Amino acid sequence: MRTTAYVVITADRGLCGGYNSGVQRAAEGEVKADVLDGKDYALVTIGRKAEGYFKFRGYNIATAYGGFSDSPTYAHAREIGQDVVARYVAGEFDRVELVYTRFISAGSQEVVLRPLVPLDRETVAGGDGKAPDAAGTPSDYEFEPDPGTILDTLLPRYVEARIYAALLNAAASEHAFRQRAMKSATDNAEELIKNLSRIMNRARQDSITTEIMEIVSGAEALSGGKSQRQVQLIELGPLTDATSVSSTQHSGD
């Protein structure tokens, strides 16, 4: 049964938008397609997020690396390349694929699937490769030392360089995703502050208006009570005897 190994490169930390989930979905889709075709698979995870994601779901993880996703070095690429090539030479893997996020620009990144080993003409074509001459006759080269020794020396370096380039692309993409995620979080926080400030000001204005109305109502109630106390009715009592005598004397005169 043929076994395909997928080198999945994600981040060690979250808070970077859909960066990790995009790579994880792409690798998981390839694995499910292999299982449906009756092929075996293995995962080489780079980044704690990929390790946790696939381990939680019970996938077969051959090797897990982590702790350097945001600042990879060539030593990390060499360690991964030597492990992958050794497993490939030993026959444990029949094919190795890279799954990572390619950095295009600060605002554009894409998840890609790239073959690592074995190498074919389409994989290494381009770049400094030259086409045959106009007559169609391939050029004749002399190799020193022999081609086998050169390939044994260059192919591991080539695999390491490919892995290192993928790590750098993934790290740049991670930083770009995190920058956009943090900007979006900052914008959302500022908008939330504005909305909460409006709500707070509205509640404060309602509270002040209520207090003013209570003060005015209390003042009106107090002023109304004073006016009622100032108005007094005087009742005239019955005429006394002295008053009657005085009135009779005046009438006799």
Protein backbone atom coordinates (compact mmCIF):
# COMPACT_ATOMS: atom_id res chain seq x y z
CA MET A 1 0.00 0.00 0.00
CA ARG A 2 1.36 3.39 -0.99
CA THR A 3 1.86 5.89 1.80
CA THR A 4 1.78 9.65 1.30
CA ALA A 5 3.24 11.87 3.97
CA TYR A 6 1.92 15.40 4.36
CA VAL A 7 4.16 18.02 5.95
CA VAL A 8 1.55 20.39 7.42
CA ILE A 9 2.87 23.81 8.45
CA THR A 10 0.74 25.87 10.84
CA ALA A 11 1.34 28.26 13.74
CA ASP A 12 2.14 27.59 17.37
CA ARG A 13 -0.37 30.18 18.56
CA GLY A 14 -3.83 31.34 17.64
CA LEU A 15 -5.29 34.83 17.27
CA CYS A 16 -4.37 34.90 13.57
CA GLY A 17 -7.76 34.67 11.87
CA GLY A 18 -8.31 31.73 9.55
CA TYR A 19 -4.62 30.99 8.99
CA ASN A 20 -4.48 27.68 10.87
CA SER A 21 -7.92 26.44 9.88
CA GLY A 22 -7.21 26.92 6.15
CA VAL A 23 -4.12 24.70 6.21
CA GLN A 24 -5.77 22.13 8.45
CA ARG A 25 -8.81 21.80 6.18
CA ALA A 26 -6.61 21.43 3.09
CA ALA A 27 -4.50 18.68 4.66
CA GLU A 28 -7.54 16.91 6.08
CA GLY A 29 -9.20 16.92 2.66
CA GLU A 30 -6.15 15.26 1.08
CA VAL A 31 -6.02 12.65 3.83
CA LYS A 32 -9.71 11.79 3.44
CA ALA A 33 -9.26 11.47 -0.34
CA ASP A 34 -6.36 9.05 0.18
CA VAL A 35 -8.38 6.97 2.61
CA LEU A 36 -11.27 6.74 0.16
CA ASP A 37 -8.83 5.60 -2.56
CA GLY A 38 -7.44 2.88 -0.32
CA LYS A 39 -4.10 4.60 0.26
CA ASP A 40 -2.26 5.05 3.51
CA TYR A 41 -1.10 8.39 4.89
CA ALA A 42 1.11 9.95 7.54
CA LEU A 43 1.29 13.45 8.93
CA VAL A 44 4.38 15.46 9.79
CA THR A 45 3.00 18.43 11.72
CA ILE A 46 4.89 21.70 12.17
CA GLY A 47 3.24 24.00 14.70
CA ARG A 48 1.33 23.16 17.85
CA LYS A 49 -2.02 24.04 16.30
CA ALA A 50 -1.73 21.33 13.64
CA GLU A 51 -0.50 18.80 16.19
CA GLY A 52 -3.40 19.49 18.54
CA TYR A 53 -5.97 19.51 15.73
CA PHE A 54 -5.01 16.15 14.18
CA LYS A 55 -4.18 14.43 17.48
CA PHE A 56 -7.60 15.35 18.87
CA ARG A 57 -9.28 13.78 15.80
CA GLY A 58 -7.23 10.59 15.93
CA TYR A 59 -5.13 11.02 12.77
CA ASN A 60 -1.81 9.24 12.31
CA ILE A 61 0.99 11.68 13.21
CA ALA A 62 4.45 10.39 12.31
CA THR A 63 6.43 13.34 13.72
CA ALA A 64 5.47 16.62 15.37
CA TYR A 65 7.56 19.78 15.50
CA GLY A 66 6.76 23.03 17.25
CA GLY A 67 8.00 26.14 18.98
CA PHE A 68 9.47 28.01 15.99
CA SER A 69 6.60 28.82 13.64
CA ASP A 70 7.00 32.59 13.88
CA SER A 71 10.81 32.61 13.48
CA PRO A 72 12.07 29.47 11.71
CA THR A 73 15.76 28.91 10.98
CA TYR A 74 17.62 26.78 8.48
CA ALA A 75 18.55 24.39 11.29
CA HIS A 76 14.85 23.60 11.76
CA ALA A 77 14.47 22.98 8.02
CA ARG A 78 17.54 20.71 8.04
CA GLU A 79 16.16 18.65 10.92
CA ILE A 80 12.80 18.21 9.21
CA GLY A 81 14.39 17.48 5.82
CA GLN A 82 16.74 14.85 7.17
CA ASP A 83 13.90 13.08 8.96
CA VAL A 84 11.62 13.12 5.93
CA VAL A 85 14.32 12.00 3.48
CA ALA A 86 15.45 9.20 5.81
CA ARG A 87 11.91 7.89 6.06
CA TYR A 88 11.49 8.16 2.30
CA VAL A 89 14.73 6.30 1.59
CA ALA A 90 13.76 3.62 4.12
CA GLY A 91 10.51 3.06 2.24
CA GLU A 92 8.26 4.29 5.03
CA PHE A 93 6.94 7.05 2.75
CA ASP A 94 6.31 6.68 -0.97
CA ARG A 95 5.57 10.37 -1.49
CA VAL A 96 5.91 13.56 0.54
CA GLU A 97 3.76 16.66 0.05
CA LEU A 98 4.09 20.12 1.58
CA VAL A 99 0.92 21.84 2.79
CA TYR A 100 1.47 25.45 3.81
CA THR A 101 0.33 29.05 3.19
CA ARG A 102 2.21 30.80 0.41
CA PHE A 103 2.91 34.50 0.95
CA ILE A 104 1.99 36.60 -2.10
CA SER A 105 1.70 40.05 -0.57
CA ALA A 106 0.75 41.66 2.73
CA GLY A 107 -2.91 41.44 1.75
CA SER A 108 -2.92 38.15 -0.16
CA GLN A 109 -1.92 34.62 0.89
CA GLU A 110 -3.04 31.23 -0.34
CA VAL A 111 -2.93 27.65 0.92
CA VAL A 112 -0.90 25.46 -1.48
CA LEU A 113 -0.03 21.79 -1.86
CA ARG A 114 3.48 21.21 -3.28
CA PRO A 115 5.31 17.90 -3.93
CA LEU A 116 8.59 17.51 -2.06
CA VAL A 117 9.88 14.03 -2.92
CA PRO A 118 10.21 12.26 -5.26
CA LEU A 119 11.40 14.95 -7.67
CA ASP A 120 10.12 15.04 -11.21
CA ARG A 121 10.81 17.27 -14.19
CA GLU A 122 7.76 19.44 -13.59
CA THR A 123 8.79 20.08 -9.99
CA VAL A 124 12.29 21.34 -10.75
CA ALA A 125 11.52 22.97 -14.12
CA GLY A 126 11.79 26.73 -14.44
CA GLY A 127 14.06 29.11 -12.62
CA ASP A 128 17.59 28.62 -13.94
CA GLY A 129 16.71 25.61 -16.06
CA LYS A 130 17.53 26.05 -19.74
CA ALA A 131 15.76 24.54 -22.70
CA PRO A 132 17.62 22.60 -25.42
CA ASP A 133 19.14 24.53 -28.28
CA ALA A 134 17.23 25.51 -31.41
CA ALA A 135 18.12 22.28 -33.23
CA GLY A 136 16.60 20.26 -30.45
CA THR A 137 19.87 18.53 -29.58
CA PRO A 138 20.47 18.40 -25.82
CA SER A 139 23.73 19.79 -24.57
CA ASP A 140 26.48 17.46 -23.43
CA TYR A 141 27.86 17.99 -19.93
CA GLU A 142 30.81 16.56 -18.06
CA PHE A 143 30.37 16.09 -14.33
CA GLU A 144 33.12 16.13 -11.75
CA PRO A 145 32.69 14.21 -9.51
CA ASP A 146 30.24 11.71 -11.01
CA PRO A 147 26.50 12.58 -11.26
CA GLY A 148 25.55 10.12 -8.52
CA THR A 149 27.79 11.78 -5.95
CA ILE A 150 26.56 15.23 -6.98
CA LEU A 151 22.92 14.18 -6.63
CA ASP A 152 23.55 12.53 -3.28
CA THR A 153 25.00 15.83 -2.07
CA LEU A 154 22.61 18.28 -3.70
CA LEU A 155 19.25 16.54 -3.29
CA PRO A 156 19.23 16.70 0.54
CA ARG A 157 20.24 20.38 0.32
CA TYR A 158 17.46 20.93 -2.21
CA VAL A 159 14.86 19.31 0.06
CA GLU A 160 16.06 21.38 3.01
CA ALA A 161 15.91 24.57 0.94
CA ARG A 162 12.36 23.75 -0.19
CA ILE A 163 11.26 23.14 3.41
CA TYR A 164 13.01 26.31 4.58
CA ALA A 165 11.28 28.35 1.86
CA ALA A 166 7.93 26.86 2.94
CA LEU A 167 8.65 27.73 6.58
CA LEU A 168 9.51 31.32 5.67
CA ASN A 169 6.39 31.67 3.53
CA ALA A 170 4.28 30.25 6.34
CA ALA A 171 5.86 32.57 8.93
CA ALA A 172 5.29 35.65 6.76
CA SER A 173 1.70 34.57 6.11
CA GLU A 174 1.15 33.99 9.83
CA HIS A 175 2.32 37.50 10.67
CA ALA A 176 0.15 38.98 7.90
CA PHE A 177 -2.92 37.07 9.13
CA ARG A 178 -2.23 38.10 12.73
CA GLN A 179 -1.77 41.74 11.75
CA ARG A 180 -5.14 41.76 9.97
CA ALA A 181 -6.80 39.94 12.85
CA MET A 182 -5.43 42.40 15.40
CA LYS A 183 -6.49 45.36 13.26
CA SER A 184 -9.98 43.92 12.97
CA ALA A 185 -10.08 43.35 16.74
CA THR A 186 -8.93 46.93 17.36
CA ASP A 187 -11.56 48.33 15.00
CA ASN A 188 -14.26 46.22 16.65
CA ALA A 189 -13.12 47.36 20.10
CA GLU A 190 -13.23 51.02 19.07
CA GLU A 191 -16.71 50.56 17.63
CA LEU A 192 -17.80 48.80 20.81
CA ILE A 193 -16.40 51.66 22.90
CA LYS A 194 -18.38 54.17 20.83
CA ASN A 195 -21.62 52.20 21.21
CA LEU A 196 -21.14 51.72 24.94
CA SER A 197 -20.28 55.41 25.36
CA ARG A 198 -23.53 56.37 23.62
CA ILE A 199 -25.51 54.00 25.82
CA MET A 200 -23.78 55.33 28.95
CA ASN A 201 -24.40 58.96 27.96
CA ARG A 202 -28.03 58.21 27.20
CA ALA A 203 -28.49 56.50 30.56
CA ARG A 204 -26.73 59.38 32.33
CA GLN A 205 -28.94 61.94 30.58
CA ASP A 206 -32.06 59.98 31.52
CA SER A 207 -30.88 59.82 35.13
CA ILE A 208 -30.16 63.56 35.22
CA THR A 209 -33.52 64.36 33.62
CA THR A 210 -35.30 62.19 36.18
CA GLU A 211 -33.48 63.87 39.06
CA ILE A 212 -34.32 67.34 37.72
CA MET A 213 -38.00 66.42 37.38
CA GLU A 214 -38.03 65.08 40.93
CA ILE A 215 -36.43 68.28 42.23
CA VAL A 216 -38.91 70.47 40.33
CA SER A 217 -41.85 68.40 41.51
CA GLY A 218 -40.64 68.62 45.11
CA ALA A 219 -40.16 72.41 44.86
CA GLU A 220 -43.65 72.86 43.43
CA ALA A 221 -45.09 70.73 46.20
CA LEU A 222 -43.32 72.81 48.87
CA SER A 223 -44.37 76.17 47.36
CA GLY A 224 -47.98 75.03 47.09
CA GLY A 225 -48.09 74.07 50.81
CA LYS A 226 -46.74 77.50 51.92
CA SER A 227 -49.39 79.46 49.96
CA GLN A 228 -52.13 77.37 51.50
CA ARG A 229 -50.81 78.07 55.02
CA GLN A 230 -50.67 81.86 54.43
CA VAL A 231 -54.39 82.11 53.57
CA GLN A 232 -56.39 82.10 56.89
CA LEU A 233 -60.14 82.57 57.33
CA ILE A 234 -61.31 84.78 60.28
CA GLU A 235 -64.72 83.91 61.67
CA LEU A 236 -66.81 86.58 63.50
CA GLY A 237 -68.26 85.41 66.80
CA PRO A 238 -71.69 86.44 68.37
CA LEU A 239 -72.20 90.02 69.65
CA THR A 240 -71.38 90.50 73.35
CA ASP A 241 -73.51 92.50 75.97
CA ALA A 242 -71.13 95.43 75.89
CA THR A 243 -71.60 95.74 72.24
CA SER A 244 -75.42 95.70 72.64
CA VAL A 245 -75.36 98.45 75.33
CA SER A 246 -73.13 100.63 73.26
CA SER A 247 -75.44 100.30 70.34
CA THR A 248 -78.52 101.21 72.44
CA GLN A 249 -76.91 104.38 73.84
CA HIS A 250 -76.01 105.56 70.44
CA SER A 251 -79.54 105.00 69.19
CA GLY A 252 -81.04 106.95 72.20
CA ASP A 253 -78.93 109.99 71.62
